[in-house]
Each structure stands twice: as structure tokens, then as C-alpha cells.
PDB file of N, CA and C in Angstrom:
ATOM      1  N   MET A   1       0.824  -1.188   0.000  1.00  0.00           N
ATOM      2  CA  MET A   1       0.000   0.000   0.000  1.00  0.00           C
ATOM      3  C   MET A   1       0.868   1.251   0.000  1.00  0.00           C
ATOM      4  N   ALA A   2       1.972   1.193   0.736  1.00  0.00           N
ATOM      5  CA  ALA A   2       2.862   2.350   0.805  1.00  0.00           C
ATOM      6  C   ALA A   2       3.493   2.634  -0.561  1.00  0.00           C
ATOM      7  N   LEU A   3       3.804   1.581  -1.300  1.00  0.00           N
ATOM      8  CA  LEU A   3       4.396   1.767  -2.627  1.00  0.00           C
ATOM      9  C   LEU A   3       3.420   2.463  -3.566  1.00  0.00           C
ATOM     10  N   ILE A   4       2.168   2.088  -3.509  1.00  0.00           N
ATOM     11  CA  ILE A   4       1.148   2.693  -4.365  1.00  0.00           C
ATOM     12  C   ILE A   4       0.979   4.168  -4.017  1.00  0.00           C
ATOM     13  N   LEU A   5       0.915   4.477  -2.730  1.00  0.00           N
ATOM     14  CA  LEU A   5       0.786   5.871  -2.316  1.00  0.00           C
ATOM     15  C   LEU A   5       2.009   6.684  -2.704  1.00  0.00           C
ATOM     16  N   PHE A   6       3.186   6.099  -2.581  1.00  0.00           N
ATOM     17  CA  PHE A   6       4.416   6.782  -2.980  1.00  0.00           C
ATOM     18  C   PHE A   6       4.407   7.073  -4.480  1.00  0.00           C
ATOM     19  N   LEU A   7       3.992   6.108  -5.286  1.00  0.00           N
ATOM     20  CA  LEU A   7       3.946   6.315  -6.734  1.00  0.00           C
ATOM     21  C   LEU A   7       2.930   7.392  -7.122  1.00  0.00           C
ATOM     22  N   VAL A   8       1.805   7.420  -6.438  1.00  0.00           N
ATOM     23  CA  VAL A   8       0.807   8.457  -6.703  1.00  0.00           C
ATOM     24  C   VAL A   8       1.358   9.829  -6.314  1.00  0.00           C
ATOM     25  N   LEU A   9       2.062   9.898  -5.203  1.00  0.00           N
ATOM     26  CA  LEU A   9       2.668  11.164  -4.778  1.00  0.00           C
ATOM     27  C   LEU A   9       3.729  11.625  -5.770  1.00  0.00           C
ATOM     28  N   VAL A  10       4.557  10.725  -6.246  1.00  0.00           N
ATOM     29  CA  VAL A  10       5.572  11.066  -7.251  1.00  0.00           C
ATOM     30  C   VAL A  10       4.903  11.552  -8.529  1.00  0.00           C
ATOM     31  N   ALA A  11       3.838  10.886  -8.948  1.00  0.00           N
ATOM     32  CA  ALA A  11       3.121  11.305 -10.153  1.00  0.00           C
ATOM     33  C   ALA A  11       2.538  12.701  -9.975  1.00  0.00           C
ATOM     34  N   LEU A  12       2.013  12.980  -8.806  1.00  0.00           N
ATOM     35  CA  LEU A  12       1.445  14.297  -8.532  1.00  0.00           C
ATOM     36  C   LEU A  12       2.517  15.385  -8.579  1.00  0.00           C
ATOM     37  N   VAL A  13       3.645  15.134  -7.948  1.00  0.00           N
ATOM     38  CA  VAL A  13       4.732  16.113  -7.944  1.00  0.00           C
ATOM     39  C   VAL A  13       5.266  16.340  -9.360  1.00  0.00           C
ATOM     40  N   LEU A  14       5.483  15.274 -10.110  1.00  0.00           N
ATOM     41  CA  LEU A  14       5.958  15.424 -11.480  1.00  0.00           C
ATOM     42  C   LEU A  14       4.951  16.182 -12.337  1.00  0.00           C
ATOM     43  N   GLY A  15       3.684  15.903 -12.139  1.00  0.00           N
ATOM     44  CA  GLY A  15       2.650  16.600 -12.899  1.00  0.00           C
ATOM     45  C   GLY A  15       2.613  18.087 -12.584  1.00  0.00           C
ATOM     46  N   ILE A  16       2.725  18.428 -11.321  1.00  0.00           N
ATOM     47  CA  ILE A  16       2.713  19.841 -10.930  1.00  0.00           C
ATOM     48  C   ILE A  16       3.934  20.561 -11.490  1.00  0.00           C
ATOM     49  N   ILE A  17       5.105  19.944 -11.368  1.00  0.00           N
ATOM     50  CA  ILE A  17       6.315  20.563 -11.916  1.00  0.00           C
ATOM     51  C   ILE A  17       6.203  20.697 -13.429  1.00  0.00           C
ATOM     52  N   GLY A  18       5.657  19.684 -14.072  1.00  0.00           N
ATOM     53  CA  GLY A  18       5.506  19.728 -15.530  1.00  0.00           C
ATOM     54  C   GLY A  18       4.572  20.821 -15.998  1.00  0.00           C
ATOM     55  N   VAL A  19       3.563  21.150 -15.212  1.00  0.00           N
ATOM     56  CA  VAL A  19       2.622  22.202 -15.583  1.00  0.00           C
ATOM     57  C   VAL A  19       3.183  23.583 -15.257  1.00  0.00           C
ATOM     58  N   VAL A  20       3.831  23.718 -14.106  1.00  0.00           N
ATOM     59  CA  VAL A  20       4.272  25.029 -13.639  1.00  0.00           C
ATOM     60  C   VAL A  20       5.516  25.516 -14.373  1.00  0.00           C
ATOM     61  N   VAL A  21       6.523  24.667 -14.511  1.00  0.00           N
ATOM     62  CA  VAL A  21       7.794  25.079 -15.105  1.00  0.00           C
ATOM     63  C   VAL A  21       7.674  25.040 -16.627  1.00  0.00           C
ATOM     64  N   LYS A  22       7.968  26.150 -17.237  1.00  0.00           N
ATOM     65  CA  LYS A  22       7.856  26.247 -18.692  1.00  0.00           C
ATOM     66  C   LYS A  22       8.942  25.398 -19.354  1.00  0.00           C
ATOM     67  N   GLY A  23       8.557  24.618 -20.324  1.00  0.00           N
ATOM     68  CA  GLY A  23       9.503  23.779 -21.048  1.00  0.00           C
ATOM     69  C   GLY A  23       9.686  22.384 -20.473  1.00  0.00           C
ATOM     70  N   LEU A  24       8.990  22.057 -19.406  1.00  0.00           N
ATOM     71  CA  LEU A  24       9.121  20.727 -18.812  1.00  0.00           C
ATOM     72  C   LEU A  24       7.812  19.946 -18.919  1.00  0.00           C
ATOM     73  N   PHE A  25       7.164  20.076 -20.062  1.00  0.00           N
ATOM     74  CA  PHE A  25       5.895  19.383 -20.295  1.00  0.00           C
ATOM     75  C   PHE A  25       6.074  17.871 -20.253  1.00  0.00           C
ATOM     76  N   TYR A  26       7.288  17.415 -20.599  1.00  0.00           N
ATOM     77  CA  TYR A  26       7.517  15.972 -20.586  1.00  0.00           C
ATOM     78  C   TYR A  26       7.385  15.397 -19.173  1.00  0.00           C
ATOM     79  N   LEU A  27       7.632  16.203 -18.143  1.00  0.00           N
ATOM     80  CA  LEU A  27       7.440  15.714 -16.779  1.00  0.00           C
ATOM     81  C   LEU A  27       5.973  15.437 -16.487  1.00  0.00           C
ATOM     82  N   LEU A  28       5.092  16.229 -17.078  1.00  0.00           N
ATOM     83  CA  LEU A  28       3.657  15.965 -16.931  1.00  0.00           C
ATOM     84  C   LEU A  28       3.308  14.622 -17.554  1.00  0.00           C
ATOM     85  N   ILE A  29       3.859  14.351 -18.715  1.00  0.00           N
ATOM     86  CA  ILE A  29       3.600  13.072 -19.389  1.00  0.00           C
ATOM     87  C   ILE A  29       4.147  11.911 -18.559  1.00  0.00           C
ATOM     88  N   ILE A  30       5.344  12.072 -18.016  1.00  0.00           N
ATOM     89  CA  ILE A  30       5.924  11.026 -17.168  1.00  0.00           C
ATOM     90  C   ILE A  30       5.085  10.839 -15.908  1.00  0.00           C
ATOM     91  N   GLY A  31       4.607  11.933 -15.334  1.00  0.00           N
ATOM     92  CA  GLY A  31       3.746  11.847 -14.157  1.00  0.00           C
ATOM     93  C   GLY A  31       2.459  11.092 -14.437  1.00  0.00           C
ATOM     94  N   ILE A  32       1.871  11.344 -15.590  1.00  0.00           N
ATOM     95  CA  ILE A  32       0.651  10.626 -15.978  1.00  0.00           C
ATOM     96  C   ILE A  32       0.951   9.140 -16.157  1.00  0.00           C
ATOM     97  N   ALA A  33       2.084   8.817 -16.768  1.00  0.00           N
ATOM     98  CA  ALA A  33       2.466   7.417 -16.965  1.00  0.00           C
ATOM     99  C   ALA A  33       2.686   6.711 -15.621  1.00  0.00           C
ATOM    100  N   VAL A  34       3.330   7.390 -14.676  1.00  0.00           N
ATOM    101  CA  VAL A  34       3.554   6.806 -13.354  1.00  0.00           C
ATOM    102  C   VAL A  34       2.220   6.598 -12.628  1.00  0.00           C
ATOM    103  N   LEU A  35       1.310   7.556 -12.769  1.00  0.00           N
ATOM    104  CA  LEU A  35      -0.007   7.424 -12.144  1.00  0.00           C
ATOM    105  C   LEU A  35      -0.764   6.231 -12.713  1.00  0.00           C
ATOM    106  N   VAL A  36      -0.746   6.079 -14.015  1.00  0.00           N
ATOM    107  CA  VAL A  36      -1.426   4.940 -14.645  1.00  0.00           C
ATOM    108  C   VAL A  36      -0.796   3.627 -14.186  1.00  0.00           C
ATOM    109  N   ALA A  37       0.535   3.586 -14.114  1.00  0.00           N
ATOM    110  CA  ALA A  37       1.214   2.369 -13.662  1.00  0.00           C
ATOM    111  C   ALA A  37       0.847   2.047 -12.219  1.00  0.00           C
ATOM    112  N   ALA A  38       0.755   3.058 -11.369  1.00  0.00           N
ATOM    113  CA  ALA A  38       0.380   2.834  -9.967  1.00  0.00           C
ATOM    114  C   ALA A  38      -1.046   2.317  -9.861  1.00  0.00           C
ATOM    115  N   LEU A  39      -1.941   2.865 -10.655  1.00  0.00           N
ATOM    116  CA  LEU A  39      -3.332   2.409 -10.613  1.00  0.00           C
ATOM    117  C   LEU A  39      -3.474   0.986 -11.125  1.00  0.00           C
ATOM    118  N   VAL A  40      -2.732   0.637 -12.173  1.00  0.00           N
ATOM    119  CA  VAL A  40      -2.764  -0.738 -12.684  1.00  0.00           C
ATOM    120  C   VAL A  40      -2.193  -1.699 -11.652  1.00  0.00           C
ATOM    121  N   TYR A  41      -1.098  -1.313 -11.024  1.00  0.00           N
ATOM    122  CA  TYR A  41      -0.496  -2.148  -9.977  1.00  0.00           C
ATOM    123  C   TYR A  41      -1.462  -2.343  -8.811  1.00  0.00           C
ATOM    124  N   ALA A  42      -2.133  -1.281  -8.417  1.00  0.00           N
ATOM    125  CA  ALA A  42      -3.094  -1.372  -7.318  1.00  0.00           C
ATOM    126  C   ALA A  42      -4.265  -2.278  -7.694  1.00  0.00           C
ATOM    127  N   ALA A  43      -4.730  -2.160  -8.905  1.00  0.00           N
ATOM    128  CA  ALA A  43      -5.849  -2.997  -9.344  1.00  0.00           C
ATOM    129  C   ALA A  43      -5.457  -4.472  -9.382  1.00  0.00           C
ATOM    130  N   LEU A  44      -4.256  -4.757  -9.878  1.00  0.00           N
ATOM    131  CA  LEU A  44      -3.807  -6.149  -9.922  1.00  0.00           C
ATOM    132  C   LEU A  44      -3.595  -6.707  -8.520  1.00  0.00           C
ATOM    133  N   ARG A  45      -3.054  -5.908  -7.639  1.00  0.00           N
ATOM    134  CA  ARG A  45      -2.823  -6.359  -6.269  1.00  0.00           C
ATOM    135  C   ARG A  45      -4.145  -6.575  -5.533  1.00  0.00           C
ATOM    136  N   TRP A  46      -5.093  -5.657  -5.738  1.00  0.00           N
ATOM    137  CA  TRP A  46      -6.395  -5.782  -5.098  1.00  0.00           C
ATOM    138  C   TRP A  46      -7.133  -7.010  -5.616  1.00  0.00           C
ATOM    139  N   ARG A  47      -7.008  -7.273  -6.900  1.00  0.00           N
ATOM    140  CA  ARG A  47      -7.683  -8.416  -7.497  1.00  0.00           C
ATOM    141  C   ARG A  47      -7.089  -9.723  -6.983  1.00  0.00           C
ATOM    142  N   ARG A  48      -5.765  -9.751  -6.844  1.00  0.00           N
ATOM    143  CA  ARG A  48      -5.087 -10.957  -6.390  1.00  0.00           C
ATOM    144  C   ARG A  48      -5.432 -11.282  -4.942  1.00  0.00           C
ATOM    145  N   THR A  49      -5.524 -10.275  -4.084  1.00  0.00           N
ATOM    146  CA  THR A  49      -5.805 -10.527  -2.677  1.00  0.00           C
ATOM    147  C   THR A  49      -7.287 -10.800  -2.429  1.00  0.00           C
ATOM    148  N   GLY A  50      -8.150 -10.505  -3.402  1.00  0.00           N
ATOM    149  CA  GLY A  50      -9.570 -10.709  -3.223  1.00  0.00           C
ATOM    150  C   GLY A  50     -10.026 -12.134  -3.467  1.00  0.00           C
ATOM    151  N   ARG A  51      -9.143 -12.976  -3.992  1.00  0.00           N
ATOM    152  CA  ARG A  51      -9.515 -14.357  -4.278  1.00  0.00           C
ATOM    153  C   ARG A  51      -9.558 -15.178  -2.996  1.00  0.00           C
ATOM    154  N   ARG A  52     -10.446 -16.155  -3.020  1.00  0.00           N
ATOM    155  CA  ARG A  52     -10.527 -17.095  -1.902  1.00  0.00           C
ATOM    156  C   ARG A  52      -9.787 -18.372  -2.301  1.00  0.00           C
ATOM    157  N   PRO A  53      -9.136 -18.997  -1.364  1.00  0.00           N
ATOM    158  CA  PRO A  53      -8.420 -20.244  -1.711  1.00  0.00           C
ATOM    159  C   PRO A  53      -9.398 -21.360  -2.064  1.00  0.00           C
ATOM    160  N   ALA A  54      -8.994 -22.181  -3.012  1.00  0.00           N
ATOM    161  CA  ALA A  54      -9.835 -23.306  -3.434  1.00  0.00           C
ATOM    162  C   ALA A  54      -9.829 -24.382  -2.357  1.00  0.00           C
ATOM    163  N   ARG A  55     -10.988 -24.975  -2.140  1.00  0.00           N
ATOM    164  CA  ARG A  55     -11.096 -26.021  -1.122  1.00  0.00           C
ATOM    165  C   ARG A  55     -11.293 -27.366  -1.759  1.00  0.00           C
TER     166      ARG A  55
END
């Protein structure tokens, strides 16, 4: 859970820097990519832990 929150925080910081600083638009794109990766990782982890063991 901490890794997912850290990745979301990094994506947020990169996105803000990419928007505010002129000429660093690529940081916004990288921030969006990191956010998408964090959300996919969270979804896969949540899906994996939601299964019940076979009896």
C-alpha cells in the first residue's frame, strides 16, 4: 500500500512541476504514466488478494 501511495505522490509532484515550469511538459507526461502504472499495480494487487483459496 505504501508503494502505491508513494507512486501516486511522485506522479502528482511530477505533474505539478511539468505544468508550472515552462519547457518541462515531458514531466507531466511522465507523471501521468507513473499514475497509470500505480493504478494498474493497485488494481492487480487488489484483485489478487480478493480471491478465496480453493477447497
